[in-house]
Every structure is written in C-alpha cells, then in structure tokens.
Amino acid sequence: MDPIKYIFEKPAFTRKISCCQMLLSKFDIAFVMRKAIKGQAIADYLADQPLNDLEFLESLFLDEDVLAKELEPSNVEPWRWKLYFDEVANSIGNGVEAVLSSPKGQQIRVLVKLNFDCTNNVTKYEVCIVGLQFALEFGTNDLSVFGDSLLIISKIEGKWQARDTKLILYQKCLSRLNLKFRNITFAYLP
C-alpha cells in the first residue's frame, strides 16, 4: 500500500521500479513505518481543548436541513409498555433486535442472532415473536408494539393472510402469544 516501502523492499525489479530506486538512491532515505494514532489520543486532545464558544458550536450544527419525524402515534397511553422491533440480514447471517420501553422510559434491548438460514419474512416473524416473549418475561400486560414491517402488522391485525406453510406456523405462534396479553395494540412505523 505504501509505494516508497514497495520500491525499497522489492526483491525483483522491473524497469520502472529500478529507475525510481536509482533516482531515490541519491538521497539518504530510510523507510520507517508510521505508528497509528490511538483513538484515545484524539479524545484526550478534545478533552484538553474544550469548545467554550457557544456561538461557534451552534453554527456547526444548523437545524435547517433536519427533518423531525414522530416516532410513535400520539394516541399511545403513557402508562403502557412499548415494544419496538427490527430485523437485520446481511452476508454473515440474520439477527433480530427488540427494544422494550417501560412506562417510566427505561429501555431494555435484546439482540438475537439467528443460527439458521431464513427468508426476510421469516426474520420479520422471528423478531416479533422474540420481542413478545421478551415482554412476557417482564410481566407486561398492556403493550403497544411498533414495527417497520407492514407485512407482520397487517397479518396480526387480520387484514392479510399467510399462504406459505412456514409463515402460517409463525402466524399461529404470534396469535397464541397475543392471547397472553390483556391489552395489546400494533402500529406500523415506516
């Protein structure tokens, strides 16, 4: 990656490399590896040099291009537990994440890596099931569930029906879990 190191340490020379080495041999050059700057050094520097100028700081972060988005519907009661779920799929596997939020605002995260190959729809069902089981472990009776999967929300509410046999089993599992709650609502968050 470093061309000077390559020129000085190349055992078999090509014409262009040998020309460069001959031109550089006039100078007393010794190649030395540069040491990496530790991340803590930057944090220490910033701690030693605080920004006391509030006007300068405010000018760095202008709000004119920031869009505010309402994260949840405004009709949610503040005394209810809230569950947010999302799924992740990449080249090394699938994972699910659920965040359970108490009425007091405390947030508890659960992350699960799925150790089996599955489709995107199966991952969406898995994350919802994991989140509901997680909420049941905390003894939640009243729950508002928010997810970015219109597929799952619509199937739970009975608007859509699953046709795939694997997905039908997941839908039945979700229906059984829903019966364990006294009051549960689902909302789609794009």
N, C-alpha and C. Protein backbone atom coordinates (compact mmCIF):
# COMPACT_ATOMS: atom_id res chain seq x y z
N MET A 1 0.82 -1.20 0.00
CA MET A 1 0.00 0.00 0.00
C MET A 1 0.86 1.26 0.00
N ASP A 2 2.04 1.17 0.55
CA ASP A 2 2.92 2.33 0.59
C ASP A 2 3.93 2.22 -0.56
N PRO A 3 3.90 3.14 -1.53
CA PRO A 3 4.78 2.99 -2.71
C PRO A 3 6.27 3.09 -2.39
N ILE A 4 6.65 3.92 -1.43
CA ILE A 4 8.08 4.05 -1.11
C ILE A 4 8.60 2.76 -0.49
N LYS A 5 7.83 2.17 0.41
CA LYS A 5 8.22 0.90 1.01
C LYS A 5 8.34 -0.16 -0.08
N TYR A 6 7.42 -0.15 -1.01
CA TYR A 6 7.43 -1.13 -2.11
C TYR A 6 8.70 -1.00 -2.94
N ILE A 7 9.08 0.22 -3.23
CA ILE A 7 10.27 0.45 -4.06
C ILE A 7 11.52 -0.04 -3.34
N PHE A 8 11.66 0.26 -2.04
CA PHE A 8 12.86 -0.11 -1.31
C PHE A 8 12.94 -1.59 -0.97
N GLU A 9 11.83 -2.28 -0.86
CA GLU A 9 11.85 -3.67 -0.40
C GLU A 9 11.55 -4.68 -1.51
N LYS A 10 11.37 -4.26 -2.74
CA LYS A 10 11.05 -5.16 -3.84
C LYS A 10 12.31 -5.94 -4.23
N PRO A 11 12.29 -7.30 -4.14
CA PRO A 11 13.50 -8.06 -4.47
C PRO A 11 13.77 -8.15 -5.98
N ALA A 12 12.76 -8.31 -6.79
CA ALA A 12 12.94 -8.40 -8.24
C ALA A 12 12.44 -7.09 -8.85
N PHE A 13 13.33 -6.39 -9.53
CA PHE A 13 12.98 -5.07 -10.03
C PHE A 13 12.52 -5.12 -11.48
N THR A 14 11.54 -4.32 -11.76
CA THR A 14 11.16 -4.08 -13.15
C THR A 14 11.85 -2.80 -13.58
N ARG A 15 11.72 -2.46 -14.83
CA ARG A 15 12.44 -1.31 -15.37
C ARG A 15 12.05 -0.02 -14.67
N LYS A 16 10.74 0.21 -14.51
CA LYS A 16 10.29 1.47 -13.90
C LYS A 16 10.68 1.56 -12.43
N ILE A 17 10.56 0.44 -11.71
CA ILE A 17 10.89 0.46 -10.29
C ILE A 17 12.38 0.66 -10.09
N SER A 18 13.19 0.03 -10.91
CA SER A 18 14.65 0.20 -10.77
C SER A 18 15.06 1.64 -11.11
N CYS A 19 14.38 2.28 -12.07
CA CYS A 19 14.67 3.69 -12.37
C CYS A 19 14.34 4.57 -11.18
N CYS A 20 13.19 4.31 -10.55
CA CYS A 20 12.80 5.10 -9.37
C CYS A 20 13.78 4.88 -8.24
N GLN A 21 14.22 3.64 -8.04
CA GLN A 21 15.15 3.38 -6.95
C GLN A 21 16.50 4.06 -7.21
N MET A 22 16.95 4.09 -8.46
CA MET A 22 18.21 4.77 -8.78
C MET A 22 18.09 6.26 -8.53
N LEU A 23 16.96 6.86 -8.91
CA LEU A 23 16.79 8.29 -8.68
C LEU A 23 16.74 8.60 -7.18
N LEU A 24 16.11 7.72 -6.40
CA LEU A 24 16.00 7.96 -4.96
C LEU A 24 17.27 7.60 -4.20
N SER A 25 18.19 6.85 -4.84
CA SER A 25 19.42 6.44 -4.14
C SER A 25 20.36 7.62 -3.90
N LYS A 26 20.15 8.73 -4.61
CA LYS A 26 20.96 9.93 -4.38
C LYS A 26 20.73 10.49 -2.98
N PHE A 27 19.54 10.26 -2.49
CA PHE A 27 19.16 10.82 -1.20
C PHE A 27 19.32 9.75 -0.12
N ASP A 28 19.57 10.19 1.07
CA ASP A 28 19.73 9.26 2.20
C ASP A 28 18.33 9.04 2.80
N ILE A 29 17.57 8.10 2.21
CA ILE A 29 16.20 7.85 2.62
C ILE A 29 16.14 6.51 3.36
N ALA A 30 15.54 6.54 4.50
CA ALA A 30 15.31 5.31 5.26
C ALA A 30 13.80 5.21 5.51
N PHE A 31 13.24 4.10 5.11
CA PHE A 31 11.80 3.92 5.28
C PHE A 31 11.51 3.49 6.72
N VAL A 32 10.59 4.21 7.36
CA VAL A 32 10.18 3.90 8.73
C VAL A 32 8.65 3.84 8.73
N MET A 33 8.12 2.77 9.33
CA MET A 33 6.67 2.62 9.41
C MET A 33 6.10 3.69 10.35
N ARG A 34 5.01 4.30 9.94
CA ARG A 34 4.35 5.30 10.77
C ARG A 34 3.45 4.58 11.76
N LYS A 35 3.54 4.98 13.00
CA LYS A 35 2.70 4.36 14.02
C LYS A 35 1.31 4.97 13.97
N ALA A 36 0.34 4.15 14.25
CA ALA A 36 -1.05 4.61 14.22
C ALA A 36 -1.35 5.49 15.42
N ILE A 37 -2.22 6.45 15.21
CA ILE A 37 -2.67 7.31 16.30
C ILE A 37 -3.78 6.57 17.02
N LYS A 38 -3.65 6.42 18.28
CA LYS A 38 -4.67 5.74 19.07
C LYS A 38 -5.91 6.62 19.17
N GLY A 39 -7.05 5.98 19.21
CA GLY A 39 -8.30 6.71 19.32
C GLY A 39 -8.39 7.52 20.60
N GLN A 40 -7.75 7.05 21.66
CA GLN A 40 -7.79 7.76 22.92
C GLN A 40 -7.05 9.09 22.84
N ALA A 41 -6.03 9.17 21.98
CA ALA A 41 -5.27 10.41 21.84
C ALA A 41 -6.16 11.54 21.34
N ILE A 42 -7.06 11.24 20.43
CA ILE A 42 -7.98 12.25 19.91
C ILE A 42 -8.96 12.67 20.99
N ALA A 43 -9.47 11.71 21.75
CA ALA A 43 -10.39 12.04 22.84
C ALA A 43 -9.70 12.88 23.90
N ASP A 44 -8.43 12.55 24.22
CA ASP A 44 -7.69 13.34 25.20
C ASP A 44 -7.47 14.76 24.72
N TYR A 45 -7.14 14.91 23.44
CA TYR A 45 -6.95 16.24 22.89
C TYR A 45 -8.23 17.07 22.97
N LEU A 46 -9.36 16.47 22.60
CA LEU A 46 -10.62 17.19 22.65
C LEU A 46 -11.01 17.54 24.08
N ALA A 47 -10.66 16.68 25.04
CA ALA A 47 -10.96 16.97 26.44
C ALA A 47 -10.11 18.12 26.95
N ASP A 48 -8.85 18.21 26.47
CA ASP A 48 -7.97 19.30 26.89
C ASP A 48 -8.29 20.62 26.22
N GLN A 49 -8.94 20.58 25.07
CA GLN A 49 -9.26 21.78 24.31
C GLN A 49 -10.77 21.91 24.15
N PRO A 50 -11.50 22.19 25.22
CA PRO A 50 -12.97 22.26 25.08
C PRO A 50 -13.38 23.49 24.27
N LEU A 51 -14.51 23.36 23.61
CA LEU A 51 -15.07 24.47 22.85
C LEU A 51 -15.94 25.30 23.80
N ASN A 52 -15.44 26.45 24.20
CA ASN A 52 -16.19 27.30 25.11
C ASN A 52 -17.06 28.31 24.37
N ASP A 53 -16.81 28.47 23.09
CA ASP A 53 -17.55 29.44 22.30
C ASP A 53 -18.86 28.82 21.83
N LEU A 54 -19.97 29.15 22.50
CA LEU A 54 -21.26 28.55 22.19
C LEU A 54 -21.75 28.95 20.81
N GLU A 55 -21.47 30.19 20.38
CA GLU A 55 -21.90 30.62 19.05
C GLU A 55 -21.21 29.80 17.96
N PHE A 56 -19.94 29.49 18.16
CA PHE A 56 -19.21 28.67 17.19
C PHE A 56 -19.82 27.27 17.12
N LEU A 57 -20.14 26.71 18.28
CA LEU A 57 -20.71 25.37 18.33
C LEU A 57 -22.09 25.33 17.67
N GLU A 58 -22.91 26.34 17.90
CA GLU A 58 -24.24 26.37 17.30
C GLU A 58 -24.16 26.55 15.79
N SER A 59 -23.13 27.24 15.31
CA SER A 59 -23.01 27.43 13.87
C SER A 59 -22.59 26.14 13.16
N LEU A 60 -21.98 25.18 13.89
CA LEU A 60 -21.58 23.93 13.28
C LEU A 60 -22.77 23.01 13.02
N PHE A 61 -23.80 23.10 13.85
CA PHE A 61 -24.94 22.20 13.75
C PHE A 61 -26.21 22.98 13.48
N LEU A 62 -26.39 23.34 12.23
CA LEU A 62 -27.58 24.07 11.84
C LEU A 62 -28.76 23.11 11.71
N ASP A 63 -29.93 23.54 12.13
CA ASP A 63 -31.11 22.69 12.10
C ASP A 63 -31.95 22.88 10.85
N GLU A 64 -31.51 23.66 9.92
CA GLU A 64 -32.38 23.95 8.79
C GLU A 64 -32.58 22.77 7.85
N ASP A 65 -31.65 21.79 7.84
CA ASP A 65 -31.81 20.64 6.96
C ASP A 65 -32.27 19.38 7.70
N VAL A 66 -32.61 19.51 8.97
CA VAL A 66 -33.01 18.36 9.78
C VAL A 66 -34.52 18.21 9.72
N LEU A 67 -34.98 16.99 9.46
CA LEU A 67 -36.41 16.72 9.45
C LEU A 67 -36.78 16.01 10.74
N ALA A 68 -37.78 16.46 11.40
CA ALA A 68 -38.27 15.80 12.61
C ALA A 68 -39.36 14.83 12.21
N LYS A 69 -39.32 13.66 12.78
CA LYS A 69 -40.29 12.63 12.45
C LYS A 69 -40.87 12.10 13.75
N GLU A 70 -42.17 11.99 13.82
CA GLU A 70 -42.82 11.47 15.01
C GLU A 70 -42.59 9.97 15.06
N LEU A 71 -41.98 9.48 16.14
CA LEU A 71 -41.60 8.08 16.22
C LEU A 71 -42.77 7.16 16.53
N GLU A 72 -43.78 7.65 17.18
CA GLU A 72 -44.91 6.79 17.52
C GLU A 72 -46.18 7.62 17.47
N PRO A 73 -47.30 6.98 17.28
CA PRO A 73 -48.56 7.72 17.24
C PRO A 73 -48.80 8.46 18.55
N SER A 74 -49.46 9.59 18.46
CA SER A 74 -49.67 10.42 19.65
C SER A 74 -50.76 9.89 20.56
N ASN A 75 -51.55 8.91 20.10
CA ASN A 75 -52.65 8.43 20.92
C ASN A 75 -52.24 7.27 21.83
N VAL A 76 -50.95 7.00 22.01
CA VAL A 76 -50.48 5.93 22.88
C VAL A 76 -50.49 6.41 24.32
N GLU A 77 -51.09 5.62 25.19
CA GLU A 77 -51.17 5.99 26.60
C GLU A 77 -49.77 5.94 27.21
N PRO A 78 -49.44 6.90 28.07
CA PRO A 78 -48.09 6.94 28.65
C PRO A 78 -47.85 5.83 29.68
N TRP A 79 -48.88 5.17 30.18
CA TRP A 79 -48.71 4.13 31.19
C TRP A 79 -48.48 2.75 30.58
N ARG A 80 -48.49 2.64 29.28
CA ARG A 80 -48.31 1.35 28.62
C ARG A 80 -46.84 1.07 28.33
N TRP A 81 -46.50 -0.18 28.34
CA TRP A 81 -45.19 -0.62 27.88
C TRP A 81 -45.18 -0.52 26.36
N LYS A 82 -44.00 -0.29 25.79
CA LYS A 82 -43.86 -0.19 24.34
C LYS A 82 -42.78 -1.15 23.88
N LEU A 83 -43.03 -1.79 22.75
CA LEU A 83 -42.06 -2.71 22.17
C LEU A 83 -41.78 -2.26 20.74
N TYR A 84 -40.50 -2.07 20.44
CA TYR A 84 -40.06 -1.73 19.09
C TYR A 84 -39.24 -2.90 18.57
N PHE A 85 -39.51 -3.32 17.35
CA PHE A 85 -38.74 -4.44 16.81
C PHE A 85 -38.24 -4.13 15.42
N ASP A 86 -37.09 -4.76 15.08
CA ASP A 86 -36.47 -4.58 13.78
C ASP A 86 -35.61 -5.80 13.50
N GLU A 87 -35.42 -6.10 12.23
CA GLU A 87 -34.62 -7.25 11.84
C GLU A 87 -33.44 -6.80 11.00
N VAL A 88 -32.40 -7.62 11.00
CA VAL A 88 -31.20 -7.32 10.25
C VAL A 88 -30.80 -8.56 9.47
N ALA A 89 -30.47 -8.40 8.21
CA ALA A 89 -29.97 -9.50 7.40
C ALA A 89 -28.78 -9.00 6.61
N ASN A 90 -27.68 -9.75 6.67
CA ASN A 90 -26.51 -9.39 5.88
C ASN A 90 -25.80 -10.65 5.44
N SER A 91 -24.59 -10.51 4.93
CA SER A 91 -23.89 -11.65 4.35
C SER A 91 -23.46 -12.68 5.38
N ILE A 92 -23.33 -12.30 6.64
CA ILE A 92 -22.88 -13.26 7.64
C ILE A 92 -24.03 -13.85 8.44
N GLY A 93 -25.26 -13.49 8.16
CA GLY A 93 -26.38 -14.11 8.85
C GLY A 93 -27.50 -13.15 9.12
N ASN A 94 -28.45 -13.62 9.91
CA ASN A 94 -29.62 -12.84 10.26
C ASN A 94 -29.61 -12.57 11.75
N GLY A 95 -30.15 -11.45 12.12
CA GLY A 95 -30.26 -11.10 13.53
C GLY A 95 -31.51 -10.30 13.76
N VAL A 96 -31.96 -10.29 15.00
CA VAL A 96 -33.16 -9.55 15.35
C VAL A 96 -32.86 -8.69 16.57
N GLU A 97 -33.56 -7.58 16.67
CA GLU A 97 -33.41 -6.67 17.80
C GLU A 97 -34.78 -6.19 18.23
N ALA A 98 -35.00 -6.21 19.53
CA ALA A 98 -36.23 -5.67 20.09
C ALA A 98 -35.85 -4.76 21.25
N VAL A 99 -36.59 -3.67 21.39
CA VAL A 99 -36.37 -2.75 22.50
C VAL A 99 -37.68 -2.62 23.25
N LEU A 100 -37.64 -2.96 24.52
CA LEU A 100 -38.81 -2.86 25.38
C LEU A 100 -38.65 -1.60 26.22
N SER A 101 -39.65 -0.73 26.16
CA SER A 101 -39.59 0.54 26.87
C SER A 101 -40.67 0.55 27.94
N SER A 102 -40.26 0.80 29.17
CA SER A 102 -41.19 0.81 30.30
C SER A 102 -41.97 2.12 30.32
N PRO A 103 -43.06 2.19 31.07
CA PRO A 103 -43.80 3.46 31.18
C PRO A 103 -42.95 4.59 31.76
N LYS A 104 -41.91 4.25 32.53
CA LYS A 104 -41.05 5.27 33.12
C LYS A 104 -39.95 5.72 32.15
N GLY A 105 -39.87 5.09 30.99
CA GLY A 105 -38.89 5.49 29.99
C GLY A 105 -37.62 4.65 29.97
N GLN A 106 -37.51 3.64 30.83
CA GLN A 106 -36.35 2.77 30.81
C GLN A 106 -36.42 1.88 29.58
N GLN A 107 -35.29 1.69 28.94
CA GLN A 107 -35.25 0.87 27.72
C GLN A 107 -34.36 -0.34 27.93
N ILE A 108 -34.90 -1.50 27.51
CA ILE A 108 -34.17 -2.75 27.62
C ILE A 108 -34.07 -3.34 26.23
N ARG A 109 -32.84 -3.65 25.80
CA ARG A 109 -32.62 -4.17 24.45
C ARG A 109 -32.35 -5.66 24.50
N VAL A 110 -32.83 -6.35 23.50
CA VAL A 110 -32.48 -7.76 23.32
C VAL A 110 -32.05 -7.93 21.87
N LEU A 111 -30.88 -8.55 21.70
CA LEU A 111 -30.34 -8.83 20.37
C LEU A 111 -30.16 -10.34 20.26
N VAL A 112 -30.65 -10.92 19.17
CA VAL A 112 -30.57 -12.36 18.97
C VAL A 112 -30.04 -12.62 17.57
N LYS A 113 -29.02 -13.47 17.48
CA LYS A 113 -28.52 -13.90 16.17
C LYS A 113 -29.21 -15.21 15.83
N LEU A 114 -29.78 -15.28 14.66
CA LEU A 114 -30.47 -16.48 14.21
C LEU A 114 -29.45 -17.41 13.56
N ASN A 115 -29.32 -18.60 14.09
CA ASN A 115 -28.32 -19.55 13.60
C ASN A 115 -28.89 -20.52 12.57
N PHE A 116 -29.81 -20.04 11.75
CA PHE A 116 -30.35 -20.86 10.69
C PHE A 116 -30.66 -19.95 9.51
N ASP A 117 -30.62 -20.53 8.33
CA ASP A 117 -30.93 -19.77 7.12
C ASP A 117 -32.42 -19.51 7.06
N CYS A 118 -32.79 -18.28 6.78
CA CYS A 118 -34.21 -17.97 6.70
C CYS A 118 -34.42 -16.81 5.73
N THR A 119 -35.66 -16.71 5.29
CA THR A 119 -36.02 -15.63 4.38
C THR A 119 -36.24 -14.35 5.16
N ASN A 120 -36.39 -13.28 4.45
CA ASN A 120 -36.64 -11.98 5.07
C ASN A 120 -37.96 -12.00 5.85
N ASN A 121 -39.00 -12.65 5.32
CA ASN A 121 -40.28 -12.70 6.01
C ASN A 121 -40.20 -13.51 7.30
N VAL A 122 -39.45 -14.60 7.28
CA VAL A 122 -39.27 -15.40 8.49
C VAL A 122 -38.55 -14.57 9.55
N THR A 123 -37.56 -13.80 9.13
CA THR A 123 -36.83 -12.94 10.07
C THR A 123 -37.76 -11.92 10.71
N LYS A 124 -38.69 -11.37 9.94
CA LYS A 124 -39.66 -10.41 10.48
C LYS A 124 -40.55 -11.07 11.53
N TYR A 125 -40.99 -12.29 11.27
CA TYR A 125 -41.78 -13.01 12.26
C TYR A 125 -40.96 -13.33 13.51
N GLU A 126 -39.73 -13.78 13.31
CA GLU A 126 -38.87 -14.13 14.44
C GLU A 126 -38.66 -12.94 15.37
N VAL A 127 -38.43 -11.77 14.81
CA VAL A 127 -38.17 -10.60 15.66
C VAL A 127 -39.41 -10.23 16.45
N CYS A 128 -40.57 -10.34 15.85
CA CYS A 128 -41.80 -10.02 16.58
C CYS A 128 -42.04 -11.04 17.70
N ILE A 129 -41.82 -12.30 17.42
CA ILE A 129 -42.00 -13.34 18.43
C ILE A 129 -41.01 -13.16 19.58
N VAL A 130 -39.75 -12.89 19.26
CA VAL A 130 -38.74 -12.66 20.30
C VAL A 130 -39.13 -11.47 21.17
N GLY A 131 -39.59 -10.40 20.53
CA GLY A 131 -39.99 -9.22 21.29
C GLY A 131 -41.17 -9.48 22.21
N LEU A 132 -42.18 -10.21 21.72
CA LEU A 132 -43.34 -10.51 22.57
C LEU A 132 -42.97 -11.44 23.71
N GLN A 133 -42.12 -12.44 23.46
CA GLN A 133 -41.66 -13.32 24.54
C GLN A 133 -40.86 -12.53 25.57
N PHE A 134 -40.07 -11.61 25.10
CA PHE A 134 -39.28 -10.75 25.98
C PHE A 134 -40.19 -9.90 26.86
N ALA A 135 -41.24 -9.36 26.26
CA ALA A 135 -42.19 -8.54 27.04
C ALA A 135 -42.92 -9.40 28.07
N LEU A 136 -43.26 -10.63 27.72
CA LEU A 136 -43.93 -11.52 28.67
C LEU A 136 -43.04 -11.86 29.86
N GLU A 137 -41.75 -11.99 29.65
CA GLU A 137 -40.83 -12.28 30.73
C GLU A 137 -40.79 -11.15 31.76
N PHE A 138 -41.09 -9.94 31.33
CA PHE A 138 -41.12 -8.80 32.24
C PHE A 138 -42.49 -8.61 32.88
N GLY A 139 -43.42 -9.50 32.59
CA GLY A 139 -44.75 -9.42 33.20
C GLY A 139 -45.61 -8.30 32.65
N THR A 140 -45.41 -7.96 31.41
CA THR A 140 -46.18 -6.88 30.79
C THR A 140 -47.57 -7.38 30.42
N ASN A 141 -48.60 -6.62 30.78
CA ASN A 141 -49.97 -6.96 30.40
C ASN A 141 -50.51 -6.05 29.32
N ASP A 142 -50.15 -4.79 29.38
CA ASP A 142 -50.59 -3.80 28.40
C ASP A 142 -49.39 -3.39 27.57
N LEU A 143 -49.50 -3.62 26.26
CA LEU A 143 -48.34 -3.42 25.41
C LEU A 143 -48.74 -2.77 24.09
N SER A 144 -47.95 -1.81 23.66
CA SER A 144 -48.07 -1.22 22.33
C SER A 144 -46.84 -1.66 21.54
N VAL A 145 -47.06 -2.31 20.41
CA VAL A 145 -45.97 -2.85 19.60
C VAL A 145 -45.81 -2.00 18.36
N PHE A 146 -44.57 -1.59 18.08
CA PHE A 146 -44.26 -0.77 16.92
C PHE A 146 -43.21 -1.49 16.09
N GLY A 147 -43.47 -1.63 14.79
CA GLY A 147 -42.52 -2.29 13.91
C GLY A 147 -42.52 -1.66 12.54
N ASP A 148 -41.45 -1.91 11.81
CA ASP A 148 -41.33 -1.35 10.47
C ASP A 148 -41.78 -2.33 9.40
N SER A 149 -42.43 -3.42 9.83
CA SER A 149 -42.87 -4.44 8.89
C SER A 149 -44.38 -4.37 8.72
N LEU A 150 -44.82 -3.79 7.63
CA LEU A 150 -46.25 -3.71 7.34
C LEU A 150 -46.82 -5.11 7.14
N LEU A 151 -46.01 -6.03 6.66
CA LEU A 151 -46.43 -7.42 6.46
C LEU A 151 -46.87 -8.03 7.79
N ILE A 152 -46.04 -7.96 8.80
CA ILE A 152 -46.35 -8.57 10.10
C ILE A 152 -47.53 -7.87 10.75
N ILE A 153 -47.53 -6.56 10.76
CA ILE A 153 -48.61 -5.80 11.41
C ILE A 153 -49.94 -6.12 10.75
N SER A 154 -49.98 -6.16 9.44
CA SER A 154 -51.23 -6.44 8.73
C SER A 154 -51.71 -7.87 8.94
N LYS A 155 -50.79 -8.81 9.02
CA LYS A 155 -51.19 -10.19 9.26
C LYS A 155 -51.67 -10.40 10.68
N ILE A 156 -51.07 -9.72 11.64
CA ILE A 156 -51.50 -9.84 13.03
C ILE A 156 -52.89 -9.23 13.20
N GLU A 157 -53.14 -8.11 12.55
CA GLU A 157 -54.44 -7.45 12.66
C GLU A 157 -55.51 -8.16 11.84
N GLY A 158 -55.15 -9.19 11.06
CA GLY A 158 -56.12 -9.95 10.30
C GLY A 158 -56.46 -9.36 8.93
N LYS A 159 -55.74 -8.33 8.51
CA LYS A 159 -56.00 -7.72 7.21
C LYS A 159 -55.48 -8.61 6.08
N TRP A 160 -54.35 -9.29 6.31
CA TRP A 160 -53.75 -10.17 5.32
C TRP A 160 -53.64 -11.57 5.91
N GLN A 161 -53.51 -12.56 5.05
CA GLN A 161 -53.40 -13.94 5.48
C GLN A 161 -52.14 -14.55 4.85
N ALA A 162 -51.42 -15.36 5.62
CA ALA A 162 -50.23 -16.03 5.10
C ALA A 162 -50.63 -17.25 4.28
N ARG A 163 -49.87 -17.52 3.22
CA ARG A 163 -50.14 -18.69 2.37
C ARG A 163 -49.03 -19.73 2.48
N ASP A 164 -47.84 -19.29 2.75
CA ASP A 164 -46.71 -20.21 2.88
C ASP A 164 -46.86 -21.01 4.18
N THR A 165 -46.56 -22.31 4.12
CA THR A 165 -46.77 -23.16 5.30
C THR A 165 -45.87 -22.75 6.47
N LYS A 166 -44.64 -22.33 6.17
CA LYS A 166 -43.75 -21.86 7.24
C LYS A 166 -44.31 -20.61 7.90
N LEU A 167 -44.80 -19.70 7.09
CA LEU A 167 -45.32 -18.45 7.62
C LEU A 167 -46.63 -18.65 8.38
N ILE A 168 -47.43 -19.64 7.99
CA ILE A 168 -48.68 -19.93 8.71
C ILE A 168 -48.36 -20.37 10.14
N LEU A 169 -47.31 -21.18 10.31
CA LEU A 169 -46.90 -21.60 11.65
C LEU A 169 -46.46 -20.41 12.50
N TYR A 170 -45.72 -19.50 11.89
CA TYR A 170 -45.30 -18.30 12.61
C TYR A 170 -46.52 -17.44 12.99
N GLN A 171 -47.46 -17.32 12.08
CA GLN A 171 -48.65 -16.52 12.34
C GLN A 171 -49.46 -17.12 13.50
N LYS A 172 -49.56 -18.44 13.56
CA LYS A 172 -50.27 -19.10 14.66
C LYS A 172 -49.54 -18.87 15.98
N CYS A 173 -48.23 -18.93 15.95
CA CYS A 173 -47.44 -18.67 17.16
C CYS A 173 -47.67 -17.25 17.66
N LEU A 174 -47.68 -16.28 16.74
CA LEU A 174 -47.95 -14.89 17.14
C LEU A 174 -49.36 -14.74 17.72
N SER A 175 -50.32 -15.44 17.15
CA SER A 175 -51.70 -15.36 17.66
C SER A 175 -51.77 -15.91 19.07
N ARG A 176 -51.08 -17.01 19.35
CA ARG A 176 -51.06 -17.57 20.71
C ARG A 176 -50.40 -16.62 21.70
N LEU A 177 -49.32 -15.97 21.27
CA LEU A 177 -48.64 -15.02 22.14
C LEU A 177 -49.52 -13.80 22.43
N ASN A 178 -50.27 -13.35 21.44
CA ASN A 178 -51.14 -12.18 21.62
C ASN A 178 -52.20 -12.44 22.68
N LEU A 179 -52.67 -13.68 22.79
CA LEU A 179 -53.71 -14.02 23.77
C LEU A 179 -53.20 -13.92 25.21
N LYS A 180 -51.90 -13.95 25.41
CA LYS A 180 -51.33 -13.88 26.76
C LYS A 180 -51.29 -12.47 27.32
N PHE A 181 -51.57 -11.48 26.48
CA PHE A 181 -51.59 -10.09 26.92
C PHE A 181 -53.03 -9.66 27.18
N ARG A 182 -53.22 -8.81 28.19
CA ARG A 182 -54.55 -8.30 28.48
C ARG A 182 -54.98 -7.30 27.42
N ASN A 183 -54.07 -6.43 27.03
CA ASN A 183 -54.37 -5.40 26.05
C ASN A 183 -53.12 -5.19 25.20
N ILE A 184 -53.21 -5.47 23.91
CA ILE A 184 -52.06 -5.32 23.03
C ILE A 184 -52.52 -4.64 21.74
N THR A 185 -51.74 -3.68 21.29
CA THR A 185 -52.01 -2.98 20.04
C THR A 185 -50.75 -3.00 19.18
N PHE A 186 -50.96 -2.95 17.87
CA PHE A 186 -49.84 -2.97 16.92
C PHE A 186 -49.95 -1.73 16.05
N ALA A 187 -48.80 -1.15 15.75
CA ALA A 187 -48.74 0.03 14.88
C ALA A 187 -47.54 -0.09 13.96
N TYR A 188 -47.75 0.32 12.73
CA TYR A 188 -46.69 0.31 11.71
C TYR A 188 -45.94 1.63 11.73
N LEU A 189 -44.63 1.57 11.87
CA LEU A 189 -43.80 2.76 11.78
C LEU A 189 -42.90 2.64 10.55
N PRO A 190 -43.12 3.47 9.54
CA PRO A 190 -42.28 3.35 8.33
C PRO A 190 -40.82 3.72 8.62
